Amino acid sequence: MAAVYKRELKGYFHTMIGYVIIAFLIAFSGIYFMAYNLSYGYPYFSYVLSGVIFTFLIVVPMITMRSFAEEKKNRTDQLLLTSPVSLFKIVMGKYLAMVTILAIPCAVYLIFPLIIKAQGTAYILVDYLSILVFFLLGCVYIAIGMFISSLTESPIIAAVGTFGILMVLHLWSGIVGFLPASAMVNVFGLALLLSLLVLGVWKMTQNWLICTVLEVAVLVINVIVYAVKSELYESLLANLCGKLNLTDTFNSIAVNNLLDISGIILYLTIIGFFVFLTMEMIQKRRWS
C-alpha cells in the first residue's frame, strides 16, 4: 500500500494539481479569514470554514477525477490489477494519497485560530474540532468521487459526475424540504428507493435469484406495513433523507458549538461504504 500511496502522491505534485488545490484552499480561506476574523472581529475560525465549504464542489472533482478513470483510459489499471498488491491496498493507497492533499491545507488551518488568539478572544477547541469535522467531510466527498471515477474511463465525466453528486448533497436540506408528507406517496417513494438498491446489488452480483427475492421482499413488506399502520409512512422520506444531510454535523459544531458523535460515525460509515463499492467495481472489472 505504501508504494501505491507514494506513487499517487508524487503524481499529484508532478502534474501541479496538488500545488494548485492546496494553494487555492489556503488562499480562499485566507480571504475569508481576513474578512471575517480580522476585519469584522468574529472570534470563531469556524465561520471561515462555513463560508468556504462550497469549495469542495470544485477541489474534490479535481482530486478524484483521475484516480481510476485515467488508469482505465491509459490501460495502466491492468498493471495494478495483476500486481502482487491486494485490491484493498490499491484502493486505500490511492484514497489516502487524495486525503493527504486535503490534509495539508487543513494542517495550515490550525495556525489561524492561534492568530485570532494573539489578537484577542479565541475558542481554540471549537475551531480545532471544526477543522477536524471539515476534514472528515472532505474525506467523505473524496470517497464518493473516487467511486464515481471507478465507474468510467473518462476523467472529465468523472469530474462532472462528482460535481453533480456533490452539488445535490450541498443543496440536500432544500431538496428534502420539497418531499411530500403523504403516506401513499411515501410508500411508493420508499419502494422505489429500495428497488434501486436492489438494482445496485444486481449490478454487483449479477445474481437474478437473490435480486428477485430481495425485490419481492421489498414490495411485500411495504404493502403489509402500509396496510397495518399507514401513518408510519407520513413524512417518512423527508425524515430519513434529512438524516443524510452531511453538512449538519459540521454546522452543529460550527454554529452551535456541539460535536455530533453520531454524525462522525455517519461520516466514517459512508467512507467505508464507498471504499467498499469502489473495490467491488474494480473487482468486477478484473474478472470481466
C-alpha atoms as a PDB file:
ATOM      1  CA  MET A   1       0.000   0.000   0.000  1.00  0.00           C
ATOM      2  CA  ALA A   2       2.889   2.359   0.747  1.00  0.00           C
ATOM      3  CA  ALA A   3       4.190   2.011  -2.820  1.00  0.00           C
ATOM      4  CA  VAL A   4       0.777   2.863  -4.304  1.00  0.00           C
ATOM      5  CA  TYR A   5       0.399   5.773  -1.877  1.00  0.00           C
ATOM      6  CA  LYS A   6       3.790   7.261  -2.752  1.00  0.00           C
ATOM      7  CA  ARG A   7       3.184   6.787  -6.489  1.00  0.00           C
ATOM      8  CA  GLU A   8      -0.184   8.545  -6.361  1.00  0.00           C
ATOM      9  CA  LEU A   9       1.003  11.366  -4.114  1.00  0.00           C
ATOM     10  CA  LYS A  10       4.002  12.086  -6.340  1.00  0.00           C
ATOM     11  CA  GLY A  11       1.682  12.090  -9.348  1.00  0.00           C
ATOM     12  CA  TYR A  12      -0.398  14.943  -7.894  1.00  0.00           C
ATOM     13  CA  PHE A  13       2.681  17.111  -7.429  1.00  0.00           C
ATOM     14  CA  HIS A  14       4.335  16.177 -10.724  1.00  0.00           C
ATOM     15  CA  THR A  15       1.255  17.430 -12.581  1.00  0.00           C
ATOM     16  CA  MET A  16       0.922  20.536 -10.355  1.00  0.00           C
ATOM     17  CA  ILE A  17      -2.673  19.592  -9.445  1.00  0.00           C
ATOM     18  CA  GLY A  18      -1.668  19.113  -5.820  1.00  0.00           C
ATOM     19  CA  TYR A  19       0.010  22.512  -5.591  1.00  0.00           C
ATOM     20  CA  VAL A  20      -2.932  24.267  -7.267  1.00  0.00           C
ATOM     21  CA  ILE A  21      -5.523  22.667  -4.955  1.00  0.00           C
ATOM     22  CA  ILE A  22      -3.538  23.375  -1.791  1.00  0.00           C
ATOM     23  CA  ALA A  23      -2.827  26.976  -2.814  1.00  0.00           C
ATOM     24  CA  PHE A  24      -6.461  27.518  -3.812  1.00  0.00           C
ATOM     25  CA  LEU A  25      -7.855  26.281  -0.495  1.00  0.00           C
ATOM     26  CA  ILE A  26      -5.375  28.233   1.607  1.00  0.00           C
ATOM     27  CA  ALA A  27      -5.748  31.441  -0.421  1.00  0.00           C
ATOM     28  CA  PHE A  28      -9.541  31.277  -0.497  1.00  0.00           C
ATOM     29  CA  SER A  29      -9.726  30.580   3.227  1.00  0.00           C
ATOM     30  CA  GLY A  30      -7.236  33.371   3.854  1.00  0.00           C
ATOM     31  CA  ILE A  31      -9.512  35.876   2.119  1.00  0.00           C
ATOM     32  CA  TYR A  32     -12.469  34.821   4.279  1.00  0.00           C
ATOM     33  CA  PHE A  33     -10.225  34.849   7.360  1.00  0.00           C
ATOM     34  CA  MET A  34      -9.181  38.431   6.701  1.00  0.00           C
ATOM     35  CA  ALA A  35     -12.797  39.473   6.115  1.00  0.00           C
ATOM     36  CA  TYR A  36     -14.495  37.623   8.976  1.00  0.00           C
ATOM     37  CA  ASN A  37     -11.905  37.358  11.710  1.00  0.00           C
ATOM     38  CA  LEU A  38      -9.502  40.245  11.167  1.00  0.00           C
ATOM     39  CA  SER A  39     -11.790  42.900   9.700  1.00  0.00           C
ATOM     40  CA  TYR A  40     -15.110  42.156  11.425  1.00  0.00           C
ATOM     41  CA  GLY A  41     -13.600  40.634  14.566  1.00  0.00           C
ATOM     42  CA  TYR A  42     -15.503  37.321  14.652  1.00  0.00           C
ATOM     43  CA  PRO A  43     -13.736  35.137  17.258  1.00  0.00           C
ATOM     44  CA  TYR A  44     -14.549  31.783  15.569  1.00  0.00           C
ATOM     45  CA  PHE A  45     -12.483  30.411  12.689  1.00  0.00           C
ATOM     46  CA  SER A  46     -15.400  28.042  12.051  1.00  0.00           C
ATOM     47  CA  TYR A  47     -17.158  30.986  10.346  1.00  0.00           C
ATOM     48  CA  VAL A  48     -14.458  30.859   7.690  1.00  0.00           C
ATOM     49  CA  LEU A  49     -14.883  27.126   7.165  1.00  0.00           C
ATOM     50  CA  SER A  50     -18.647  27.602   6.836  1.00  0.00           C
ATOM     51  CA  GLY A  51     -18.009  30.136   4.100  1.00  0.00           C
ATOM     52  CA  VAL A  52     -15.551  28.030   2.111  1.00  0.00           C
ATOM     53  CA  ILE A  53     -17.224  24.646   2.440  1.00  0.00           C
ATOM     54  CA  PHE A  54     -18.681  25.035  -1.059  1.00  0.00           C
ATOM     55  CA  THR A  55     -15.144  24.870  -2.475  1.00  0.00           C
ATOM     56  CA  PHE A  56     -15.354  21.100  -2.060  1.00  0.00           C
ATOM     57  CA  LEU A  57     -17.555  21.173  -5.165  1.00  0.00           C
ATOM     58  CA  ILE A  58     -14.514  22.389  -7.097  1.00  0.00           C
ATOM     59  CA  VAL A  59     -11.495  20.777  -5.473  1.00  0.00           C
ATOM     60  CA  VAL A  60     -12.845  17.267  -4.824  1.00  0.00           C
ATOM     61  CA  PRO A  61     -13.617  16.551  -8.524  1.00  0.00           C
ATOM     62  CA  MET A  62     -10.127  17.842  -9.367  1.00  0.00           C
ATOM     63  CA  ILE A  63      -8.572  15.488  -6.812  1.00  0.00           C
ATOM     64  CA  THR A  64     -10.590  12.364  -7.615  1.00  0.00           C
ATOM     65  CA  MET A  65     -11.288  12.547 -11.364  1.00  0.00           C
ATOM     66  CA  ARG A  66      -8.077  10.817 -12.405  1.00  0.00           C
ATOM     67  CA  SER A  67      -7.825   8.294  -9.569  1.00  0.00           C
ATOM     68  CA  PHE A  68      -9.222   5.315 -11.506  1.00  0.00           C
ATOM     69  CA  ALA A  69     -10.676   6.823 -14.685  1.00  0.00           C
ATOM     70  CA  GLU A  70      -7.253   7.773 -16.012  1.00  0.00           C
ATOM     71  CA  GLU A  71      -5.890   4.332 -15.155  1.00  0.00           C
ATOM     72  CA  LYS A  72      -8.651   2.796 -17.285  1.00  0.00           C
ATOM     73  CA  LYS A  73      -8.142   5.292 -20.092  1.00  0.00           C
ATOM     74  CA  ASN A  74      -4.408   4.597 -20.306  1.00  0.00           C
ATOM     75  CA  ARG A  75      -4.906   0.846 -19.664  1.00  0.00           C
ATOM     76  CA  THR A  76      -2.415   1.061 -16.798  1.00  0.00           C
ATOM     77  CA  ASP A  77      -5.045  -0.392 -14.481  1.00  0.00           C
ATOM     78  CA  GLN A  78      -4.103  -3.827 -15.790  1.00  0.00           C
ATOM     79  CA  LEU A  79      -0.671  -3.435 -14.228  1.00  0.00           C
ATOM     80  CA  LEU A  80      -2.255  -2.622 -10.872  1.00  0.00           C
ATOM     81  CA  LEU A  81      -4.760  -5.460 -11.062  1.00  0.00           C
ATOM     82  CA  THR A  82      -2.065  -8.012 -11.883  1.00  0.00           C
ATOM     83  CA  SER A  83       0.388  -6.749  -9.262  1.00  0.00           C
ATOM     84  CA  PRO A  84       1.012  -8.720  -6.049  1.00  0.00           C
ATOM     85  CA  VAL A  85      -0.614  -5.894  -4.042  1.00  0.00           C
ATOM     86  CA  SER A  86      -4.106  -6.683  -2.755  1.00  0.00           C
ATOM     87  CA  LEU A  87      -7.095  -4.781  -4.108  1.00  0.00           C
ATOM     88  CA  PHE A  88      -7.765  -3.241  -0.698  1.00  0.00           C
ATOM     89  CA  LYS A  89      -4.227  -1.841  -0.530  1.00  0.00           C
ATOM     90  CA  ILE A  90      -4.512  -0.417  -4.041  1.00  0.00           C
ATOM     91  CA  VAL A  91      -7.756   1.384  -3.277  1.00  0.00           C
ATOM     92  CA  MET A  92      -6.639   2.589   0.160  1.00  0.00           C
ATOM     93  CA  GLY A  93      -3.264   3.722  -1.206  1.00  0.00           C
ATOM     94  CA  LYS A  94      -4.994   5.903  -3.776  1.00  0.00           C
ATOM     95  CA  TYR A  95      -7.577   7.116  -1.272  1.00  0.00           C
ATOM     96  CA  LEU A  96      -5.004   8.066   1.372  1.00  0.00           C
ATOM     97  CA  ALA A  97      -2.973   9.952  -1.245  1.00  0.00           C
ATOM     98  CA  MET A  98      -6.048  12.032  -2.122  1.00  0.00           C
ATOM     99  CA  VAL A  99      -6.840  12.566   1.548  1.00  0.00           C
ATOM    100  CA  THR A 100      -3.278  13.809   2.100  1.00  0.00           C
ATOM    101  CA  ILE A 101      -3.820  16.566  -0.472  1.00  0.00           C
ATOM    102  CA  LEU A 102      -6.772  17.770   1.607  1.00  0.00           C
ATOM    103  CA  ALA A 103      -4.944  17.276   4.910  1.00  0.00           C
ATOM    104  CA  ILE A 104      -2.161  19.728   4.012  1.00  0.00           C
ATOM    105  CA  PRO A 105      -4.350  22.884   3.873  1.00  0.00           C
ATOM    106  CA  CYS A 106      -6.289  21.626   6.904  1.00  0.00           C
ATOM    107  CA  ALA A 107      -2.996  21.435   8.794  1.00  0.00           C
ATOM    108  CA  VAL A 108      -2.286  25.035   7.786  1.00  0.00           C
ATOM    109  CA  TYR A 109      -5.735  25.997   9.087  1.00  0.00           C
ATOM    110  CA  LEU A 110      -4.535  25.064  12.595  1.00  0.00           C
ATOM    111  CA  ILE A 111      -2.484  28.267  12.599  1.00  0.00           C
ATOM    112  CA  PHE A 112      -5.446  30.605  12.045  1.00  0.00           C
ATOM    113  CA  PRO A 113      -7.102  30.137  15.478  1.00  0.00           C
ATOM    114  CA  LEU A 114      -3.732  30.928  17.067  1.00  0.00           C
ATOM    115  CA  ILE A 115      -3.607  34.183  15.105  1.00  0.00           C
ATOM    116  CA  ILE A 116      -7.091  35.008  16.417  1.00  0.00           C
ATOM    117  CA  LYS A 117      -5.874  34.179  19.931  1.00  0.00           C
ATOM    118  CA  ALA A 118      -2.957  36.573  19.522  1.00  0.00           C
ATOM    119  CA  GLN A 119      -5.422  39.353  18.606  1.00  0.00           C
ATOM    120  CA  GLY A 120      -7.831  38.750  21.497  1.00  0.00           C
ATOM    121  CA  THR A 121     -10.560  36.252  22.389  1.00  0.00           C
ATOM    122  CA  ALA A 122     -10.468  32.878  20.624  1.00  0.00           C
ATOM    123  CA  TYR A 123     -12.143  29.493  21.001  1.00  0.00           C
ATOM    124  CA  ILE A 124      -9.337  27.121  20.126  1.00  0.00           C
ATOM    125  CA  LEU A 125     -11.087  23.840  20.961  1.00  0.00           C
ATOM    126  CA  VAL A 126     -14.209  24.676  18.953  1.00  0.00           C
ATOM    127  CA  ASP A 127     -12.129  25.845  15.990  1.00  0.00           C
ATOM    128  CA  TYR A 128      -9.924  22.757  16.019  1.00  0.00           C
ATOM    129  CA  LEU A 129     -12.958  20.482  16.205  1.00  0.00           C
ATOM    130  CA  SER A 130     -14.459  22.429  13.284  1.00  0.00           C
ATOM    131  CA  ILE A 131     -11.302  21.844  11.259  1.00  0.00           C
ATOM    132  CA  LEU A 132     -11.454  18.125  12.093  1.00  0.00           C
ATOM    133  CA  VAL A 133     -15.097  17.806  11.003  1.00  0.00           C
ATOM    134  CA  PHE A 134     -14.373  19.916   7.893  1.00  0.00           C
ATOM    135  CA  PHE A 135     -11.565  17.494   7.025  1.00  0.00           C
ATOM    136  CA  LEU A 136     -13.748  14.428   7.625  1.00  0.00           C
ATOM    137  CA  LEU A 137     -16.487  15.881   5.420  1.00  0.00           C
ATOM    138  CA  GLY A 138     -13.902  16.352   2.684  1.00  0.00           C
ATOM    139  CA  CYS A 139     -12.828  12.713   3.169  1.00  0.00           C
ATOM    140  CA  VAL A 140     -16.453  11.642   2.641  1.00  0.00           C
ATOM    141  CA  TYR A 141     -16.663  13.620  -0.586  1.00  0.00           C
ATOM    142  CA  ILE A 142     -13.338  12.192  -1.773  1.00  0.00           C
ATOM    143  CA  ALA A 143     -14.605   8.629  -1.179  1.00  0.00           C
ATOM    144  CA  ILE A 144     -17.707   9.423  -3.258  1.00  0.00           C
ATOM    145  CA  GLY A 145     -15.598  10.993  -6.015  1.00  0.00           C
ATOM    146  CA  MET A 146     -13.247   8.014  -6.068  1.00  0.00           C
ATOM    147  CA  PHE A 147     -16.212   5.691  -6.568  1.00  0.00           C
ATOM    148  CA  ILE A 148     -17.533   7.843  -9.432  1.00  0.00           C
ATOM    149  CA  SER A 149     -14.075   7.724 -11.023  1.00  0.00           C
ATOM    150  CA  SER A 150     -14.103   3.920 -10.858  1.00  0.00           C
ATOM    151  CA  LEU A 151     -17.280   3.861 -12.992  1.00  0.00           C
ATOM    152  CA  THR A 152     -15.861   5.500 -16.105  1.00  0.00           C
ATOM    153  CA  GLU A 153     -12.809   5.709 -18.347  1.00  0.00           C
ATOM    154  CA  SER A 154     -13.090   9.490 -18.787  1.00  0.00           C
ATOM    155  CA  PRO A 155     -11.636  11.796 -16.111  1.00  0.00           C
ATOM    156  CA  ILE A 156     -13.856  14.608 -17.425  1.00  0.00           C
ATOM    157  CA  ILE A 157     -17.014  12.541 -16.981  1.00  0.00           C
ATOM    158  CA  ALA A 158     -15.786  11.513 -13.525  1.00  0.00           C
ATOM    159  CA  ALA A 159     -15.253  15.182 -12.594  1.00  0.00           C
ATOM    160  CA  VAL A 160     -18.656  16.279 -13.912  1.00  0.00           C
ATOM    161  CA  GLY A 161     -20.392  13.338 -12.224  1.00  0.00           C
ATOM    162  CA  THR A 162     -18.695  14.042  -8.911  1.00  0.00           C
ATOM    163  CA  PHE A 163     -19.567  17.735  -9.160  1.00  0.00           C
ATOM    164  CA  GLY A 164     -23.212  16.842  -9.811  1.00  0.00           C
ATOM    165  CA  ILE A 165     -23.416  14.481  -6.816  1.00  0.00           C
ATOM    166  CA  LEU A 166     -21.717  16.971  -4.506  1.00  0.00           C
ATOM    167  CA  MET A 167     -23.997  19.753  -5.712  1.00  0.00           C
ATOM    168  CA  VAL A 168     -27.020  17.635  -4.779  1.00  0.00           C
ATOM    169  CA  LEU A 169     -25.500  16.932  -1.354  1.00  0.00           C
ATOM    170  CA  HIS A 170     -24.731  20.626  -0.890  1.00  0.00           C
ATOM    171  CA  LEU A 171     -28.372  21.513  -1.601  1.00  0.00           C
ATOM    172  CA  TRP A 172     -29.723  18.473   0.253  1.00  0.00           C
ATOM    173  CA  SER A 173     -31.583  20.312   3.019  1.00  0.00           C
ATOM    174  CA  GLY A 174     -33.503  22.367   0.459  1.00  0.00           C
ATOM    175  CA  ILE A 175     -34.296  19.302  -1.639  1.00  0.00           C
ATOM    176  CA  VAL A 176     -35.605  17.399   1.407  1.00  0.00           C
ATOM    177  CA  GLY A 177     -37.956  20.287   2.123  1.00  0.00           C
ATOM    178  CA  PHE A 178     -39.791  19.610  -1.148  1.00  0.00           C
ATOM    179  CA  LEU A 179     -40.529  15.958  -0.343  1.00  0.00           C
ATOM    180  CA  PRO A 180     -44.270  15.260   0.158  1.00  0.00           C
ATOM    181  CA  ALA A 181     -45.734  14.207   3.502  1.00  0.00           C
ATOM    182  CA  SER A 182     -48.487  11.947   2.107  1.00  0.00           C
ATOM    183  CA  ALA A 183     -48.283   8.338   3.322  1.00  0.00           C
ATOM    184  CA  MET A 184     -49.291   6.958  -0.092  1.00  0.00           C
ATOM    185  CA  VAL A 185     -46.587   8.926  -1.913  1.00  0.00           C
ATOM    186  CA  ASN A 186     -44.003   7.972   0.700  1.00  0.00           C
ATOM    187  CA  VAL A 187     -44.694   4.260   0.435  1.00  0.00           C
ATOM    188  CA  PHE A 188     -44.178   4.392  -3.332  1.00  0.00           C
ATOM    189  CA  GLY A 189     -41.082   6.537  -2.918  1.00  0.00           C
ATOM    190  CA  LEU A 190     -39.560   4.196  -0.350  1.00  0.00           C
ATOM    191  CA  ALA A 191     -40.313   1.164  -2.526  1.00  0.00           C
ATOM    192  CA  LEU A 192     -38.630   2.910  -5.467  1.00  0.00           C
ATOM    193  CA  LEU A 193     -35.507   3.728  -3.456  1.00  0.00           C
ATOM    194  CA  LEU A 194     -35.237   0.174  -2.149  1.00  0.00           C
ATOM    195  CA  SER A 195     -35.729  -1.168  -5.664  1.00  0.00           C
ATOM    196  CA  LEU A 196     -32.826   0.996  -6.833  1.00  0.00           C
ATOM    197  CA  LEU A 197     -30.688  -0.559  -4.098  1.00  0.00           C
ATOM    198  CA  VAL A 198     -31.709  -3.999  -5.326  1.00  0.00           C
ATOM    199  CA  LEU A 199     -30.689  -2.921  -8.824  1.00  0.00           C
ATOM    200  CA  GLY A 200     -27.309  -1.939  -7.424  1.00  0.00           C
ATOM    201  CA  VAL A 201     -26.965  -5.374  -5.824  1.00  0.00           C
ATOM    202  CA  TRP A 202     -27.736  -6.958  -9.194  1.00  0.00           C
ATOM    203  CA  LYS A 203     -25.110  -4.800 -10.913  1.00  0.00           C
ATOM    204  CA  MET A 204     -22.507  -6.083  -8.477  1.00  0.00           C
ATOM    205  CA  THR A 205     -23.587  -9.729  -8.204  1.00  0.00           C
ATOM    206  CA  GLN A 206     -25.433 -10.453 -11.478  1.00  0.00           C
ATOM    207  CA  ASN A 207     -27.478 -12.936  -9.435  1.00  0.00           C
ATOM    208  CA  TRP A 208     -31.113 -12.876 -10.561  1.00  0.00           C
ATOM    209  CA  LEU A 209     -32.334 -15.201  -7.801  1.00  0.00           C
ATOM    210  CA  ILE A 210     -31.028 -13.081  -4.929  1.00  0.00           C
ATOM    211  CA  CYS A 211     -32.258  -9.848  -6.501  1.00  0.00           C
ATOM    212  CA  THR A 212     -35.710 -11.265  -7.261  1.00  0.00           C
ATOM    213  CA  VAL A 213     -36.114 -12.438  -3.651  1.00  0.00           C
ATOM    214  CA  LEU A 214     -34.992  -9.032  -2.369  1.00  0.00           C
ATOM    215  CA  GLU A 215     -37.363  -7.171  -4.691  1.00  0.00           C
ATOM    216  CA  VAL A 216     -40.342  -9.322  -3.718  1.00  0.00           C
ATOM    217  CA  ALA A 217     -39.483  -8.846  -0.043  1.00  0.00           C
ATOM    218  CA  VAL A 218     -39.319  -5.054  -0.533  1.00  0.00           C
ATOM    219  CA  LEU A 219     -42.746  -4.911  -2.155  1.00  0.00           C
ATOM    220  CA  VAL A 220     -44.455  -7.341   0.235  1.00  0.00           C
ATOM    221  CA  ILE A 221     -43.091  -5.723   3.408  1.00  0.00           C
ATOM    222  CA  ASN A 222     -44.079  -2.233   2.225  1.00  0.00           C
ATOM    223  CA  VAL A 223     -47.605  -3.361   1.354  1.00  0.00           C
ATOM    224  CA  ILE A 224     -48.088  -5.168   4.684  1.00  0.00           C
ATOM    225  CA  VAL A 225     -46.753  -2.294   6.811  1.00  0.00           C
ATOM    226  CA  TYR A 226     -48.818   0.248   4.907  1.00  0.00           C
ATOM    227  CA  ALA A 227     -51.966  -1.846   5.301  1.00  0.00           C
ATOM    228  CA  VAL A 228     -51.394  -2.330   9.051  1.00  0.00           C
ATOM    229  CA  LYS A 229     -50.162   1.139  10.029  1.00  0.00           C
ATOM    230  CA  SER A 230     -50.123   3.610   7.160  1.00  0.00           C
ATOM    231  CA  GLU A 231     -49.349   6.608   9.397  1.00  0.00           C
ATOM    232  CA  LEU A 232     -45.771   5.334   9.744  1.00  0.00           C
ATOM    233  CA  TYR A 233     -45.162   6.463   6.169  1.00  0.00           C
ATOM    234  CA  GLU A 234     -46.230  10.077   6.729  1.00  0.00           C
ATOM    235  CA  SER A 235     -43.194  12.307   6.052  1.00  0.00           C
ATOM    236  CA  LEU A 236     -41.041   9.162   6.216  1.00  0.00           C
ATOM    237  CA  LEU A 237     -38.856  10.038   3.208  1.00  0.00           C
ATOM    238  CA  ALA A 238     -38.258  13.569   4.496  1.00  0.00           C
ATOM    239  CA  ASN A 239     -37.256  12.235   7.922  1.00  0.00           C
ATOM    240  CA  LEU A 240     -34.971   9.546   6.502  1.00  0.00           C
ATOM    241  CA  CYS A 241     -33.349  11.776   3.909  1.00  0.00           C
ATOM    242  CA  GLY A 242     -32.938  14.536   6.473  1.00  0.00           C
ATOM    243  CA  LYS A 243     -30.648  12.282   8.487  1.00  0.00           C
ATOM    244  CA  LEU A 244     -28.353  12.069   5.426  1.00  0.00           C
ATOM    245  CA  ASN A 245     -27.682  15.807   5.377  1.00  0.00           C
ATOM    246  CA  LEU A 246     -23.913  15.595   5.640  1.00  0.00           C
ATOM    247  CA  THR A 247     -23.356  19.265   6.448  1.00  0.00           C
ATOM    248  CA  ASP A 248     -25.487  19.058   9.603  1.00  0.00           C
ATOM    249  CA  THR A 249     -22.607  17.573  11.589  1.00  0.00           C
ATOM    250  CA  PHE A 250     -20.295  20.398  10.528  1.00  0.00           C
ATOM    251  CA  ASN A 251     -22.939  23.051  11.180  1.00  0.00           C
ATOM    252  CA  SER A 252     -23.548  21.566  14.626  1.00  0.00           C
ATOM    253  CA  ILE A 253     -20.002  22.328  15.735  1.00  0.00           C
ATOM    254  CA  ALA A 254     -19.514  25.485  13.636  1.00  0.00           C
ATOM    255  CA  VAL A 255     -22.815  27.186  14.534  1.00  0.00           C
ATOM    256  CA  ASN A 256     -23.958  25.600  17.807  1.00  0.00           C
ATOM    257  CA  ASN A 257     -20.542  24.551  19.206  1.00  0.00           C
ATOM    258  CA  LEU A 258     -21.838  20.991  19.692  1.00  0.00           C
ATOM    259  CA  LEU A 259     -19.920  17.943  18.478  1.00  0.00           C
ATOM    260  CA  ASP A 260     -22.299  15.390  16.948  1.00  0.00           C
ATOM    261  CA  ILE A 261     -20.686  11.981  17.550  1.00  0.00           C
ATOM    262  CA  SER A 262     -23.399  10.201  15.557  1.00  0.00           C
ATOM    263  CA  GLY A 263     -22.545  12.448  12.610  1.00  0.00           C
ATOM    264  CA  ILE A 264     -18.863  11.477  12.860  1.00  0.00           C
ATOM    265  CA  ILE A 265     -19.882   7.816  12.845  1.00  0.00           C
ATOM    266  CA  LEU A 266     -22.045   8.512   9.783  1.00  0.00           C
ATOM    267  CA  TYR A 267     -19.051  10.077   8.013  1.00  0.00           C
ATOM    268  CA  LEU A 268     -16.831   7.077   8.748  1.00  0.00           C
ATOM    269  CA  THR A 269     -19.591   4.675   7.673  1.00  0.00           C
ATOM    270  CA  ILE A 270     -20.079   6.453   4.345  1.00  0.00           C
ATOM    271  CA  ILE A 271     -16.328   6.472   3.723  1.00  0.00           C
ATOM    272  CA  GLY A 272     -16.138   2.722   4.356  1.00  0.00           C
ATOM    273  CA  PHE A 273     -19.220   2.112   2.195  1.00  0.00           C
ATOM    274  CA  PHE A 274     -17.863   3.938  -0.856  1.00  0.00           C
ATOM    275  CA  VAL A 275     -14.399   2.424  -0.467  1.00  0.00           C
ATOM    276  CA  PHE A 276     -16.129  -0.972  -0.490  1.00  0.00           C
ATOM    277  CA  LEU A 277     -18.175  -0.043  -3.583  1.00  0.00           C
ATOM    278  CA  THR A 278     -15.010   1.103  -5.348  1.00  0.00           C
ATOM    279  CA  MET A 279     -13.340  -2.209  -4.585  1.00  0.00           C
ATOM    280  CA  GLU A 280     -16.377  -4.085  -5.898  1.00  0.00           C
ATOM    281  CA  MET A 281     -16.361  -2.134  -9.170  1.00  0.00           C
ATOM    282  CA  ILE A 282     -12.660  -2.803  -9.695  1.00  0.00           C
ATOM    283  CA  GLN A 283     -13.087  -6.443  -8.753  1.00  0.00           C
ATOM    284  CA  LYS A 284     -15.855  -6.712 -11.331  1.00  0.00           C
ATOM    285  CA  ARG A 285     -13.577  -5.213 -13.992  1.00  0.00           C
ATOM    286  CA  ARG A 286     -10.788  -7.617 -13.008  1.00  0.00           C
ATOM    287  CA  TRP A 287     -12.947 -10.648 -13.802  1.00  0.00           C
ATOM    288  CA  SER A 288     -14.839  -9.165 -16.750  1.00  0.00           C
END
